[in-house]
Amino acid sequence: MKGFIKEFKEFISRGNVIDLAVAVVIGGAFTKIVNSLVNDIIMPIIGVIIGGINFEHLMVTVGTAEIKYGMFIQAIVNFLLIAFVIFCIIKAINTFNKKKEDAPEEPAKPSEDIVLLTEIRDLLKK
């Protein structure tokens, strides 16, 4: 039993597991932001553009069953909008990172030893 607990402790304390846990938490929070953007900002605008059609209420009754195909259409629209928003965000981040990489780097300052040797060289030349 001790070996199992030790192995579990090693597994849980690995950097990858902790990174994954942080990513899941941040991903959950990011999902709420993207869903709010899609549902509260983009979908109302699309609703105005297409004349206020709400896909969620579209359904067909077959016997006693309701086939809510409008919910399926809404899920597809939400997926496409969320994928587009994430694409735009990632594209903006990549553009920002590329600009950061393209910025000229400041040349590294020589170490104190190099500066001292350069001064000695210059003095010897005189």
N, C-alpha and C. Protein backbone atom coordinates (compact mmCIF):
# COMPACT_ATOMS: atom_id res chain seq x y z
N MET A 1 0.82 -1.19 0.00
CA MET A 1 0.00 0.00 0.00
C MET A 1 0.87 1.27 0.00
N LYS A 2 1.99 1.25 0.78
CA LYS A 2 2.88 2.40 0.82
C LYS A 2 3.45 2.69 -0.56
N GLY A 3 3.81 1.64 -1.28
CA GLY A 3 4.37 1.81 -2.62
C GLY A 3 3.38 2.47 -3.56
N PHE A 4 2.11 2.09 -3.43
CA PHE A 4 1.06 2.66 -4.27
C PHE A 4 0.90 4.15 -3.97
N ILE A 5 0.87 4.48 -2.68
CA ILE A 5 0.72 5.88 -2.27
C ILE A 5 1.93 6.70 -2.73
N LYS A 6 3.13 6.14 -2.59
CA LYS A 6 4.34 6.83 -3.03
C LYS A 6 4.31 7.08 -4.54
N GLU A 7 3.90 6.05 -5.27
CA GLU A 7 3.83 6.19 -6.73
C GLU A 7 2.79 7.24 -7.12
N PHE A 8 1.64 7.24 -6.42
CA PHE A 8 0.60 8.24 -6.70
C PHE A 8 1.11 9.64 -6.39
N LYS A 9 1.83 9.78 -5.28
CA LYS A 9 2.39 11.08 -4.89
C LYS A 9 3.36 11.58 -5.96
N GLU A 10 4.21 10.69 -6.48
CA GLU A 10 5.14 11.07 -7.54
C GLU A 10 4.40 11.48 -8.81
N PHE A 11 3.35 10.72 -9.12
CA PHE A 11 2.57 11.02 -10.31
C PHE A 11 1.91 12.39 -10.20
N ILE A 12 1.30 12.68 -9.07
CA ILE A 12 0.55 13.90 -8.90
C ILE A 12 1.46 15.12 -8.82
N SER A 13 2.71 14.93 -8.38
CA SER A 13 3.60 16.07 -8.22
C SER A 13 4.44 16.34 -9.47
N ARG A 14 4.25 15.58 -10.51
CA ARG A 14 4.94 15.85 -11.78
C ARG A 14 4.47 17.17 -12.34
N GLY A 15 5.36 17.84 -13.02
CA GLY A 15 5.03 19.13 -13.61
C GLY A 15 3.90 19.04 -14.63
N ASN A 16 3.87 17.97 -15.41
CA ASN A 16 2.85 17.84 -16.46
C ASN A 16 1.45 17.76 -15.87
N VAL A 17 1.30 17.05 -14.76
CA VAL A 17 -0.02 16.90 -14.15
C VAL A 17 -0.49 18.25 -13.62
N ILE A 18 0.40 18.96 -12.98
CA ILE A 18 0.04 20.27 -12.44
C ILE A 18 -0.29 21.23 -13.58
N ASP A 19 0.52 21.22 -14.63
CA ASP A 19 0.24 22.07 -15.80
C ASP A 19 -1.12 21.73 -16.40
N LEU A 20 -1.42 20.44 -16.48
CA LEU A 20 -2.70 20.02 -17.03
C LEU A 20 -3.85 20.50 -16.16
N ALA A 21 -3.70 20.41 -14.84
CA ALA A 21 -4.75 20.86 -13.93
C ALA A 21 -4.98 22.36 -14.10
N VAL A 22 -3.91 23.12 -14.20
CA VAL A 22 -4.04 24.57 -14.40
C VAL A 22 -4.73 24.85 -15.73
N ALA A 23 -4.35 24.11 -16.76
CA ALA A 23 -4.95 24.31 -18.09
C ALA A 23 -6.45 24.01 -18.07
N VAL A 24 -6.85 22.97 -17.33
CA VAL A 24 -8.27 22.62 -17.26
C VAL A 24 -9.05 23.74 -16.56
N VAL A 25 -8.51 24.26 -15.46
CA VAL A 25 -9.19 25.33 -14.74
C VAL A 25 -9.29 26.59 -15.60
N ILE A 26 -8.18 26.97 -16.22
CA ILE A 26 -8.19 28.15 -17.08
C ILE A 26 -9.09 27.92 -18.29
N GLY A 27 -9.06 26.71 -18.83
CA GLY A 27 -9.93 26.38 -19.96
C GLY A 27 -11.40 26.51 -19.61
N GLY A 28 -11.76 26.08 -18.40
CA GLY A 28 -13.15 26.22 -17.95
C GLY A 28 -13.56 27.68 -17.86
N ALA A 29 -12.69 28.50 -17.31
CA ALA A 29 -12.98 29.93 -17.21
C ALA A 29 -13.04 30.56 -18.60
N PHE A 30 -12.13 30.17 -19.48
CA PHE A 30 -12.11 30.71 -20.84
C PHE A 30 -13.36 30.29 -21.60
N THR A 31 -13.83 29.07 -21.35
CA THR A 31 -15.06 28.60 -22.00
C THR A 31 -16.23 29.49 -21.64
N LYS A 32 -16.31 29.89 -20.38
CA LYS A 32 -17.40 30.77 -19.95
C LYS A 32 -17.32 32.11 -20.67
N ILE A 33 -16.11 32.62 -20.84
CA ILE A 33 -15.94 33.90 -21.53
C ILE A 33 -16.37 33.78 -22.99
N VAL A 34 -15.91 32.73 -23.66
CA VAL A 34 -16.24 32.55 -25.08
C VAL A 34 -17.74 32.30 -25.24
N ASN A 35 -18.33 31.47 -24.36
CA ASN A 35 -19.78 31.23 -24.45
C ASN A 35 -20.57 32.51 -24.24
N SER A 36 -20.14 33.34 -23.31
CA SER A 36 -20.82 34.62 -23.09
C SER A 36 -20.69 35.51 -24.31
N LEU A 37 -19.50 35.55 -24.90
CA LEU A 37 -19.30 36.34 -26.10
C LEU A 37 -20.23 35.89 -27.22
N VAL A 38 -20.31 34.58 -27.40
CA VAL A 38 -21.15 34.04 -28.48
C VAL A 38 -22.63 34.25 -28.16
N ASN A 39 -23.07 33.85 -26.95
CA ASN A 39 -24.49 33.90 -26.62
C ASN A 39 -25.02 35.30 -26.34
N ASP A 40 -24.21 36.14 -25.72
CA ASP A 40 -24.70 37.45 -25.29
C ASP A 40 -24.39 38.58 -26.25
N ILE A 41 -23.42 38.39 -27.12
CA ILE A 41 -23.04 39.48 -28.04
C ILE A 41 -23.27 39.09 -29.50
N ILE A 42 -22.67 37.98 -29.91
CA ILE A 42 -22.71 37.62 -31.34
C ILE A 42 -24.07 37.09 -31.76
N MET A 43 -24.66 36.16 -30.99
CA MET A 43 -25.95 35.58 -31.38
C MET A 43 -27.07 36.61 -31.46
N PRO A 44 -27.16 37.58 -30.52
CA PRO A 44 -28.21 38.59 -30.69
C PRO A 44 -28.04 39.40 -31.98
N ILE A 45 -26.80 39.69 -32.34
CA ILE A 45 -26.56 40.42 -33.59
C ILE A 45 -26.98 39.57 -34.78
N ILE A 46 -26.63 38.29 -34.75
CA ILE A 46 -27.04 37.39 -35.84
C ILE A 46 -28.55 37.26 -35.87
N GLY A 47 -29.18 37.22 -34.69
CA GLY A 47 -30.65 37.15 -34.62
C GLY A 47 -31.30 38.34 -35.29
N VAL A 48 -30.73 39.53 -35.09
CA VAL A 48 -31.26 40.74 -35.73
C VAL A 48 -31.07 40.65 -37.25
N ILE A 49 -29.89 40.17 -37.66
CA ILE A 49 -29.58 40.09 -39.09
C ILE A 49 -30.51 39.11 -39.80
N ILE A 50 -30.80 37.96 -39.18
CA ILE A 50 -31.64 36.95 -39.85
C ILE A 50 -33.12 37.11 -39.50
N GLY A 51 -33.48 38.21 -38.90
CA GLY A 51 -34.90 38.49 -38.67
C GLY A 51 -35.45 37.91 -37.39
N GLY A 52 -34.63 37.69 -36.41
CA GLY A 52 -35.11 37.23 -35.10
C GLY A 52 -35.48 35.76 -35.04
N ILE A 53 -35.02 34.97 -35.98
CA ILE A 53 -35.32 33.53 -35.96
C ILE A 53 -34.55 32.89 -34.81
N ASN A 54 -35.26 32.15 -33.98
CA ASN A 54 -34.63 31.43 -32.89
C ASN A 54 -34.69 29.94 -33.22
N PHE A 55 -33.54 29.38 -33.52
CA PHE A 55 -33.48 27.98 -33.94
C PHE A 55 -33.92 27.02 -32.83
N GLU A 56 -33.74 27.43 -31.59
CA GLU A 56 -33.99 26.52 -30.47
C GLU A 56 -35.44 26.05 -30.39
N HIS A 57 -36.37 26.80 -30.95
CA HIS A 57 -37.79 26.44 -30.86
C HIS A 57 -38.28 25.60 -32.04
N LEU A 58 -37.41 25.35 -33.01
CA LEU A 58 -37.81 24.54 -34.17
C LEU A 58 -37.84 23.07 -33.78
N MET A 59 -38.98 22.42 -34.05
CA MET A 59 -39.10 20.99 -33.74
C MET A 59 -40.20 20.36 -34.58
N VAL A 60 -40.12 19.04 -34.64
CA VAL A 60 -41.13 18.25 -35.33
C VAL A 60 -41.64 17.21 -34.35
N THR A 61 -42.95 17.04 -34.30
CA THR A 61 -43.53 16.04 -33.40
C THR A 61 -43.84 14.79 -34.21
N VAL A 62 -43.28 13.67 -33.75
CA VAL A 62 -43.52 12.38 -34.39
C VAL A 62 -44.13 11.48 -33.32
N GLY A 63 -45.42 11.27 -33.42
CA GLY A 63 -46.10 10.51 -32.37
C GLY A 63 -46.07 11.32 -31.09
N THR A 64 -45.48 10.72 -30.05
CA THR A 64 -45.36 11.45 -28.78
C THR A 64 -43.97 12.06 -28.59
N ALA A 65 -43.11 11.83 -29.54
CA ALA A 65 -41.73 12.32 -29.41
C ALA A 65 -41.57 13.66 -30.12
N GLU A 66 -40.78 14.53 -29.51
CA GLU A 66 -40.45 15.81 -30.13
C GLU A 66 -39.01 15.75 -30.63
N ILE A 67 -38.85 15.96 -31.92
CA ILE A 67 -37.51 15.99 -32.50
C ILE A 67 -37.12 17.46 -32.60
N LYS A 68 -36.23 17.84 -31.73
CA LYS A 68 -35.83 19.25 -31.63
C LYS A 68 -34.62 19.52 -32.52
N TYR A 69 -34.85 19.55 -33.80
CA TYR A 69 -33.76 19.78 -34.75
C TYR A 69 -33.22 21.21 -34.64
N GLY A 70 -34.01 22.11 -34.13
CA GLY A 70 -33.55 23.49 -33.94
C GLY A 70 -32.43 23.57 -32.92
N MET A 71 -32.49 22.76 -31.87
CA MET A 71 -31.43 22.72 -30.87
C MET A 71 -30.13 22.23 -31.51
N PHE A 72 -30.25 21.26 -32.43
CA PHE A 72 -29.09 20.74 -33.13
C PHE A 72 -28.49 21.83 -34.02
N ILE A 73 -29.35 22.54 -34.75
CA ILE A 73 -28.86 23.63 -35.59
C ILE A 73 -28.18 24.69 -34.72
N GLN A 74 -28.79 25.02 -33.58
CA GLN A 74 -28.22 26.02 -32.68
C GLN A 74 -26.85 25.56 -32.16
N ALA A 75 -26.73 24.26 -31.85
CA ALA A 75 -25.45 23.74 -31.37
C ALA A 75 -24.38 23.85 -32.45
N ILE A 76 -24.75 23.59 -33.70
CA ILE A 76 -23.80 23.71 -34.81
C ILE A 76 -23.38 25.17 -34.99
N VAL A 77 -24.34 26.07 -34.93
CA VAL A 77 -24.03 27.51 -35.08
C VAL A 77 -23.13 27.95 -33.93
N ASN A 78 -23.45 27.54 -32.71
CA ASN A 78 -22.62 27.89 -31.56
C ASN A 78 -21.19 27.36 -31.73
N PHE A 79 -21.07 26.10 -32.17
CA PHE A 79 -19.75 25.51 -32.38
C PHE A 79 -18.95 26.31 -33.40
N LEU A 80 -19.58 26.63 -34.53
CA LEU A 80 -18.88 27.38 -35.57
C LEU A 80 -18.47 28.76 -35.08
N LEU A 81 -19.35 29.42 -34.35
CA LEU A 81 -19.02 30.74 -33.83
C LEU A 81 -17.90 30.67 -32.79
N ILE A 82 -17.98 29.70 -31.90
CA ILE A 82 -16.94 29.54 -30.88
C ILE A 82 -15.61 29.21 -31.55
N ALA A 83 -15.63 28.32 -32.53
CA ALA A 83 -14.39 27.98 -33.24
C ALA A 83 -13.82 29.21 -33.94
N PHE A 84 -14.69 30.03 -34.53
CA PHE A 84 -14.23 31.25 -35.21
C PHE A 84 -13.63 32.24 -34.22
N VAL A 85 -14.28 32.42 -33.08
CA VAL A 85 -13.78 33.35 -32.06
C VAL A 85 -12.42 32.88 -31.54
N ILE A 86 -12.31 31.59 -31.26
CA ILE A 86 -11.03 31.05 -30.77
C ILE A 86 -9.96 31.21 -31.85
N PHE A 87 -10.30 30.96 -33.11
CA PHE A 87 -9.36 31.16 -34.21
C PHE A 87 -8.87 32.60 -34.24
N CYS A 88 -9.78 33.55 -34.11
CA CYS A 88 -9.39 34.97 -34.14
C CYS A 88 -8.49 35.33 -32.97
N ILE A 89 -8.81 34.79 -31.80
CA ILE A 89 -7.99 35.07 -30.61
C ILE A 89 -6.59 34.49 -30.78
N ILE A 90 -6.51 33.24 -31.22
CA ILE A 90 -5.20 32.59 -31.42
C ILE A 90 -4.41 33.32 -32.51
N LYS A 91 -5.10 33.74 -33.57
CA LYS A 91 -4.43 34.48 -34.64
C LYS A 91 -3.85 35.79 -34.11
N ALA A 92 -4.60 36.49 -33.26
CA ALA A 92 -4.12 37.74 -32.67
C ALA A 92 -2.92 37.49 -31.75
N ILE A 93 -2.99 36.43 -30.97
CA ILE A 93 -1.88 36.09 -30.07
C ILE A 93 -0.64 35.75 -30.89
N ASN A 94 -0.81 34.96 -31.95
CA ASN A 94 0.33 34.60 -32.79
C ASN A 94 0.94 35.83 -33.46
N THR A 95 0.10 36.75 -33.92
CA THR A 95 0.60 37.98 -34.53
C THR A 95 1.39 38.79 -33.52
N PHE A 96 0.86 38.89 -32.29
CA PHE A 96 1.55 39.62 -31.23
C PHE A 96 2.90 38.97 -30.92
N ASN A 97 2.91 37.64 -30.79
CA ASN A 97 4.16 36.94 -30.51
C ASN A 97 5.16 37.08 -31.65
N LYS A 98 4.68 37.07 -32.89
CA LYS A 98 5.58 37.22 -34.03
C LYS A 98 6.22 38.60 -34.02
N LYS A 99 5.44 39.64 -33.71
CA LYS A 99 5.99 40.99 -33.63
C LYS A 99 7.03 41.07 -32.53
N LYS A 100 6.76 40.38 -31.44
CA LYS A 100 7.70 40.37 -30.33
C LYS A 100 9.00 39.69 -30.74
N GLU A 101 8.88 38.59 -31.51
CA GLU A 101 10.08 37.86 -31.97
C GLU A 101 10.85 38.67 -33.00
N ASP A 102 10.13 39.43 -33.84
CA ASP A 102 10.77 40.20 -34.89
C ASP A 102 11.48 41.44 -34.36
N ALA A 103 11.14 41.85 -33.16
CA ALA A 103 11.77 43.05 -32.58
C ALA A 103 13.26 42.79 -32.41
N PRO A 104 14.09 43.78 -32.78
CA PRO A 104 15.53 43.57 -32.67
C PRO A 104 15.94 43.43 -31.20
N GLU A 105 16.76 42.44 -30.96
CA GLU A 105 17.23 42.21 -29.60
C GLU A 105 18.41 43.11 -29.31
N GLU A 106 18.47 43.56 -28.10
CA GLU A 106 19.58 44.39 -27.67
C GLU A 106 20.81 43.50 -27.55
N PRO A 107 21.93 43.95 -28.11
CA PRO A 107 23.12 43.09 -28.03
C PRO A 107 23.51 42.86 -26.57
N ALA A 108 23.98 41.66 -26.31
CA ALA A 108 24.37 41.31 -24.94
C ALA A 108 25.58 42.13 -24.53
N LYS A 109 25.55 42.61 -23.29
CA LYS A 109 26.68 43.39 -22.78
C LYS A 109 27.80 42.43 -22.45
N PRO A 110 29.03 42.82 -22.76
CA PRO A 110 30.16 41.93 -22.45
C PRO A 110 30.34 41.80 -20.94
N SER A 111 30.89 40.67 -20.55
CA SER A 111 31.10 40.42 -19.12
C SER A 111 32.20 41.36 -18.60
N GLU A 112 32.32 41.42 -17.30
CA GLU A 112 33.32 42.29 -16.68
C GLU A 112 34.74 41.89 -17.10
N ASP A 113 34.97 40.58 -17.25
CA ASP A 113 36.29 40.10 -17.67
C ASP A 113 36.64 40.63 -19.06
N ILE A 114 35.68 40.58 -19.95
CA ILE A 114 35.92 41.04 -21.32
C ILE A 114 36.18 42.54 -21.32
N VAL A 115 35.41 43.29 -20.55
CA VAL A 115 35.61 44.74 -20.47
C VAL A 115 37.00 45.05 -19.94
N LEU A 116 37.40 44.35 -18.88
CA LEU A 116 38.72 44.56 -18.29
C LEU A 116 39.83 44.22 -19.28
N LEU A 117 39.69 43.10 -19.97
CA LEU A 117 40.70 42.72 -20.96
C LEU A 117 40.76 43.73 -22.11
N THR A 118 39.62 44.26 -22.51
CA THR A 118 39.59 45.27 -23.56
C THR A 118 40.31 46.54 -23.11
N GLU A 119 40.09 46.94 -21.88
CA GLU A 119 40.77 48.12 -21.35
C GLU A 119 42.29 47.89 -21.29
N ILE A 120 42.70 46.70 -20.86
CA ILE A 120 44.13 46.38 -20.81
C ILE A 120 44.73 46.43 -22.21
N ARG A 121 44.02 45.85 -23.18
CA ARG A 121 44.48 45.87 -24.56
C ARG A 121 44.65 47.29 -25.07
N ASP A 122 43.63 48.12 -24.79
CA ASP A 122 43.70 49.51 -25.24
C ASP A 122 44.85 50.27 -24.59
N LEU A 123 45.11 50.01 -23.31
CA LEU A 123 46.22 50.65 -22.60
C LEU A 123 47.57 50.20 -23.18
N LEU A 124 47.69 48.90 -23.50
CA LEU A 124 48.92 48.39 -24.07
C LEU A 124 49.19 48.98 -25.46
N LYS A 125 48.12 49.25 -26.21
CA LYS A 125 48.29 49.85 -27.53
C LYS A 125 48.85 51.26 -27.43
N LYS A 126 48.48 51.97 -26.38
CA LYS A 126 48.97 53.35 -26.19
C LYS A 126 50.41 53.32 -25.80
